[in-house]
Protein backbone atom coordinates (compact mmCIF):
# COMPACT_ATOMS: atom_id res chain seq x y z
CA MET A 1 40.24 11.79 36.25
CA ALA A 2 39.15 8.34 35.04
CA ALA A 3 36.86 7.91 38.05
CA ALA A 4 35.27 11.32 37.42
CA LEU A 5 34.70 10.44 33.76
CA VAL A 6 33.00 7.16 34.70
CA LEU A 7 30.78 9.04 37.16
CA VAL A 8 29.72 11.58 34.48
CA VAL A 9 28.96 8.86 31.94
CA GLY A 10 26.90 6.98 34.52
CA VAL A 11 24.82 10.07 35.29
CA LEU A 12 24.19 10.72 31.59
CA LEU A 13 23.11 7.13 30.99
CA SER A 14 20.71 7.30 33.91
CA LEU A 15 19.10 10.40 32.35
CA LEU A 16 18.62 8.93 28.87
CA PRO A 17 15.07 7.62 29.47
CA PHE A 18 13.97 11.08 30.60
CA ILE A 19 15.75 12.87 27.77
CA GLY A 20 14.27 10.47 25.21
CA SER A 21 10.75 10.90 26.53
CA SER A 22 10.93 14.67 26.16
CA ILE A 23 11.74 14.63 22.43
CA SER A 24 8.73 15.39 20.24
CA ARG A 25 7.90 12.59 17.82
CA PRO A 26 5.56 12.77 14.84
CA VAL A 27 2.14 11.42 15.77
CA TYR A 28 1.86 9.79 12.34
CA ALA A 29 4.96 7.59 12.49
CA GLN A 30 3.75 4.09 11.71
CA GLY A 31 4.18 1.24 14.11
CA THR A 32 5.91 3.24 16.84
CA GLY A 33 4.96 5.03 20.00
CA ALA A 34 1.99 4.68 22.31
CA PRO A 35 -1.56 5.34 21.08
CA VAL A 36 -2.32 9.04 20.91
CA ALA A 37 -5.39 10.85 22.24
CA VAL A 38 -8.44 10.33 20.03
CA PRO A 39 -11.18 12.75 19.04
CA SER A 40 -14.12 12.78 21.45
CA LEU A 41 -16.97 13.10 18.93
CA LEU A 42 -16.43 9.77 17.14
CA ASP A 43 -17.02 6.29 18.51
CA TYR A 44 -13.89 4.12 18.71
CA ASP A 45 -15.74 0.81 19.14
CA VAL A 46 -17.88 1.41 16.05
CA PHE A 47 -14.74 2.30 14.14
CA LYS A 48 -12.94 -0.86 15.24
CA THR A 49 -15.79 -3.32 14.67
CA ARG A 50 -17.57 -1.85 11.62
CA VAL A 51 -15.47 0.82 9.88
CA GLN A 52 -11.98 -0.68 9.98
CA PRO A 53 -13.07 -3.97 8.31
CA ILE A 54 -14.35 -1.89 5.36
CA LEU A 55 -10.95 -0.25 4.99
CA THR A 56 -9.16 -3.62 4.88
CA SER A 57 -11.67 -5.60 2.78
CA ALA A 58 -10.93 -6.82 -0.76
CA ARG A 59 -12.30 -4.83 -3.71
CA LYS A 60 -13.26 -6.55 -6.96
CA GLY A 61 -11.52 -4.66 -9.76
CA ASN A 62 -10.14 -2.01 -7.36
CA ALA A 63 -7.36 -1.79 -4.81
CA ARG A 64 -8.47 -2.19 -1.22
CA CYS A 65 -7.97 0.93 0.90
CA ILE A 66 -5.11 -0.50 2.94
CA ALA A 67 -3.13 -1.36 -0.21
CA CYS A 68 -2.52 2.32 -0.97
CA HIS A 69 -3.08 4.00 2.37
CA SER A 70 -0.67 2.11 4.62
CA ARG A 71 2.49 3.53 3.07
CA GLY A 72 3.89 6.76 1.65
CA GLY A 73 2.72 10.32 2.17
CA ASN A 74 -0.94 9.32 1.78
CA ALA A 75 -0.88 6.75 4.62
CA TYR A 76 -3.58 6.81 7.26
CA LEU A 77 -3.65 3.08 8.10
CA GLU A 78 -1.07 0.90 9.82
CA PRO A 79 0.44 -1.93 7.74
CA LEU A 80 -1.19 -5.22 8.72
CA PRO A 81 1.03 -7.55 10.78
CA PRO A 82 2.65 -10.24 8.57
CA GLY A 83 0.22 -13.10 7.95
CA SER A 84 -2.68 -11.31 9.65
CA GLU A 85 -5.88 -9.73 8.34
CA THR A 86 -6.70 -7.98 11.62
CA TYR A 87 -5.04 -5.27 13.69
CA ALA A 88 -3.68 -5.30 17.21
CA GLU A 89 -5.49 -3.02 19.66
CA GLU A 90 -2.69 -0.46 19.67
CA GLN A 91 -2.70 -0.31 15.86
CA SER A 92 -6.48 0.06 15.77
CA ARG A 93 -6.28 3.06 18.08
CA ARG A 94 -3.63 4.69 15.91
CA ASN A 95 -5.79 4.03 12.84
CA PHE A 96 -8.76 5.60 14.63
CA GLU A 97 -6.80 8.76 15.38
CA ARG A 98 -5.63 9.16 11.78
CA VAL A 99 -8.85 8.18 10.02
CA SER A 100 -10.80 10.53 12.29
CA ARG A 101 -8.89 13.40 10.67
CA LEU A 102 -10.41 12.49 7.30
CA VAL A 103 -13.96 13.18 8.45
CA VAL A 104 -16.04 16.07 9.77
CA PRO A 105 -18.10 14.67 12.67
CA GLY A 106 -21.79 14.93 11.84
CA GLU A 107 -21.12 15.71 8.15
CA PRO A 108 -20.59 12.66 5.88
CA LEU A 109 -20.77 14.82 2.74
CA LYS A 110 -17.92 17.01 4.00
CA SER A 111 -15.72 14.02 4.88
CA ARG A 112 -12.88 12.99 2.55
CA LEU A 113 -13.10 9.38 3.72
CA LEU A 114 -16.62 9.12 2.27
CA LEU A 115 -16.28 11.46 -0.71
CA ASN A 116 -13.12 10.35 -2.51
CA PRO A 117 -14.15 6.71 -3.19
CA LEU A 118 -17.78 7.70 -4.01
CA ASP A 119 -18.84 8.11 -7.66
CA THR A 120 -18.90 11.72 -8.80
CA GLU A 121 -22.46 11.20 -10.07
CA ALA A 122 -23.46 10.15 -6.55
CA GLY A 123 -21.96 13.30 -4.98
CA GLY A 124 -18.40 12.09 -4.52
CA GLY A 125 -14.99 13.51 -5.39
CA ARG A 126 -13.57 13.65 -8.87
CA TRP A 127 -10.90 11.01 -8.45
CA ASP A 128 -9.64 8.26 -6.14
CA GLY A 129 -6.42 6.45 -6.98
CA GLY A 130 -7.77 3.09 -5.80
CA GLY A 131 -10.96 3.38 -7.86
CA LYS A 132 -14.52 4.27 -6.99
CA HIS A 133 -15.80 1.77 -4.43
CA TRP A 134 -19.35 3.09 -4.05
CA HIS A 135 -21.71 4.02 -6.87
CA SER A 136 -24.46 5.30 -4.58
CA GLN A 137 -24.86 6.81 -1.13
CA ASN A 138 -27.24 3.90 -0.49
CA ASP A 139 -24.37 1.42 -0.67
CA PRO A 140 -24.32 -0.51 2.66
CA GLU A 141 -20.62 0.24 3.24
CA TRP A 142 -21.10 3.95 2.57
CA GLN A 143 -24.08 3.99 4.91
CA THR A 144 -22.00 2.31 7.64
CA LEU A 145 -19.32 4.99 7.34
CA ALA A 146 -21.95 7.74 7.28
CA ALA A 147 -23.60 6.36 10.40
CA TRP A 148 -20.23 6.34 12.19
CA VAL A 149 -19.57 9.95 11.21
CA ARG A 150 -23.02 11.03 12.43
CA THR A 151 -22.99 9.09 15.72
CA ARG A 152 -21.48 10.47 18.94
CA PRO A 153 -20.16 8.12 21.63
CA ALA A 154 -21.87 8.17 25.01
CA GLY A 155 -20.93 11.23 27.02
CA ALA A 156 -19.72 13.25 24.03
CA PRO A 157 -20.78 16.89 23.88
CA ALA A 158 -23.95 17.50 21.90
CA ALA A 159 -22.68 20.51 19.99
CA ALA A 160 -20.91 19.46 16.81
CA SER A 161 -19.29 22.86 16.76
CA ALA A 162 -16.83 21.58 19.36
CA ALA A 163 -15.19 19.61 16.56
CA SER A 164 -15.24 22.40 13.99
CA THR A 165 -12.26 21.92 11.72
CA GLY A 166 -11.29 25.57 11.94
CA SER A 167 -11.63 25.79 15.73
CA GLY A 168 -8.82 27.84 17.24
CA LEU A 169 -7.30 28.60 13.84
CA ASN A 170 -7.30 32.05 12.26
CA TYR A 171 -8.84 32.22 8.78
CA GLU A 172 -7.38 35.60 7.82
CA MET A 173 -3.85 34.46 8.69
CA PHE A 174 -4.44 31.27 6.71
CA LYS A 175 -5.64 33.23 3.68
CA THR A 176 -2.91 35.90 3.68
CA ARG A 177 0.15 33.99 4.95
CA VAL A 178 -0.40 30.20 4.86
CA LEU A 179 -2.18 29.77 1.53
CA PRO A 180 0.56 31.57 -0.45
CA ILE A 181 3.09 29.05 0.94
CA LEU A 182 0.93 26.17 -0.31
CA THR A 183 0.77 27.62 -3.83
CA SER A 184 4.33 28.95 -4.16
CA ALA A 185 6.88 27.50 -6.59
CA ARG A 186 9.51 25.07 -5.23
CA LYS A 187 12.96 24.89 -6.79
CA GLY A 188 13.63 21.22 -7.49
CA ASN A 189 10.34 20.10 -5.86
CA ALA A 190 6.68 20.11 -6.75
CA ARG A 191 4.65 22.90 -5.20
CA CYS A 192 1.98 21.75 -2.76
CA VAL A 193 -0.98 22.67 -5.00
CA ALA A 194 0.48 20.60 -7.87
CA CYS A 195 -0.08 17.31 -6.02
CA HIS A 196 -2.70 18.19 -3.44
CA SER A 197 -5.42 19.65 -5.64
CA ARG A 198 -6.32 16.35 -7.25
CA GLY A 199 -6.66 12.67 -6.42
CA GLY A 200 -7.20 10.94 -3.12
CA ASN A 201 -4.66 13.14 -1.35
CA ALA A 202 -6.32 16.45 -2.33
CA TYR A 203 -6.79 19.12 0.32
CA LEU A 204 -6.54 22.22 -1.91
CA GLU A 205 -8.89 23.52 -4.57
CA PRO A 206 -7.50 23.58 -8.13
CA LEU A 207 -6.46 27.14 -8.99
CA PRO A 208 -8.83 28.91 -11.40
CA PRO A 209 -7.51 28.75 -15.00
CA GLY A 210 -4.88 31.45 -15.58
CA SER A 211 -4.87 32.53 -11.93
CA GLU A 212 -2.34 32.14 -9.12
CA THR A 213 -4.80 33.14 -6.38
CA TYR A 214 -8.02 31.70 -5.03
CA THR A 215 -11.49 33.16 -4.84
CA GLU A 216 -12.91 33.85 -1.37
CA GLU A 217 -15.16 30.80 -1.55
CA GLN A 218 -12.26 28.55 -2.55
CA SER A 219 -10.05 29.98 0.20
CA ARG A 220 -12.68 29.11 2.81
CA ARG A 221 -12.99 25.56 1.50
CA ASN A 222 -9.19 25.25 1.57
CA PHE A 223 -9.17 26.51 5.17
CA GLU A 224 -11.70 23.89 6.21
CA ARG A 225 -9.70 21.04 4.62
CA VAL A 226 -6.20 22.16 5.56
CA SER A 227 -7.33 22.68 9.17
CA ARG A 228 -7.90 18.93 9.36
CA LEU A 229 -4.18 18.34 8.70
CA VAL A 230 -3.07 20.11 11.87
CA VAL A 231 -3.47 19.76 15.62
CA PRO A 232 -4.21 23.30 16.84
CA GLY A 233 -1.52 24.42 19.26
CA ASP A 234 0.89 21.62 18.35
CA PRO A 235 2.95 22.01 15.14
CA LEU A 236 4.94 18.82 15.83
CA LYS A 237 1.78 16.72 15.73
CA SER A 238 0.52 18.32 12.50
CA ARG A 239 0.89 16.46 9.19
CA LEU A 240 0.98 19.72 7.25
CA LEU A 241 4.24 20.66 8.97
CA LEU A 242 5.76 17.19 9.42
CA ASN A 243 5.52 15.54 6.01
CA PRO A 244 7.51 18.17 4.03
CA LEU A 245 10.07 18.66 6.85
CA ASP A 246 13.41 16.81 6.73
CA THR A 247 13.49 13.70 8.89
CA GLU A 248 16.68 14.95 10.54
CA ALA A 249 14.80 18.10 11.57
CA GLY A 250 11.95 16.10 13.18
CA GLY A 251 9.81 15.55 10.09
CA GLY A 252 8.14 12.50 8.58
CA GLN A 253 9.92 9.72 6.75
CA TRP A 254 8.64 10.49 3.26
CA HIS A 255 6.90 13.15 1.21
CA GLY A 256 6.07 12.62 -2.45
CA GLY A 257 6.62 16.25 -3.41
CA GLY A 258 10.05 16.41 -1.79
CA LYS A 259 11.26 17.91 1.46
CA HIS A 260 10.62 21.66 1.39
CA TRP A 261 12.11 22.57 4.77
CA HIS A 262 15.47 21.43 6.13
CA SER A 263 15.03 23.05 9.54
CA GLN A 264 12.25 24.10 11.87
CA ASN A 265 13.83 27.56 11.69
CA ASP A 266 12.87 27.89 8.02
CA PRO A 267 10.72 31.07 7.68
CA GLU A 268 7.90 29.18 5.90
CA TRP A 269 7.84 26.45 8.56
CA GLN A 270 7.80 29.11 11.27
CA THR A 271 4.85 30.86 9.58
CA LEU A 272 2.85 27.61 9.52
CA ALA A 273 3.83 26.86 13.12
CA ALA A 274 2.68 30.32 14.22
CA TRP A 275 -0.69 29.76 12.51
CA VAL A 276 -1.11 26.37 14.20
CA ARG A 277 -0.22 27.86 17.59
CA GLY A 278 -2.69 30.70 17.11
CA SER A 279 0.05 33.33 17.25
């Protein structure tokens, strides 16, 4: 009996590397895992050499981007290694993958990365927690980011439509089944629209005064923004589904509005997953 038990344990231990590699891990977990696949319509080298230094540079009177955006639910940058002001190659590639989700290739004025820290009077968003870094679209930093968003790497497809934020996602299902989840009340937690319709982490329109539903135009803008928080076909690589999901159920480490779903079997989570899969 003892010999048989030792044999079974040995077999299980030998299978652990394969079992571990098959478990889905959030693509946004900081500092872990291999670099993920990056979007094809944005240039990684330009990001690394010209864009990333902007996101880590000091800001007179304001917080630098990395100070707020390397931790918490609004993180899209890796924490800098202790004592360093530059990233390792693996970290830069993870930053590229995340930051790329904040832009619409070819469209600087539809890209959160460029709009939130830009003065409202210059065409920017209404608020950015770290302050407004650029007072004009002619600012050299803003122009550098805009040039990156407009430029395709060599060999990339010419049609920008290939990177359309709604590609492969159903608008009608979003409007009738997903959007009501994002605006519904949460017992003990904040509802999604309460936190995500303002500030640097906004991806939803504010609801019209006295209304609990969106206009058609607002719903389409919400669709375009929310689509950038998911990886079509892959719910377990989609921030929209990971951040509010309990860590024990495969979700992210933290979500400011609380954990809405304690299991991937939750009906709301399943509805979002079906939308992401194109069901």
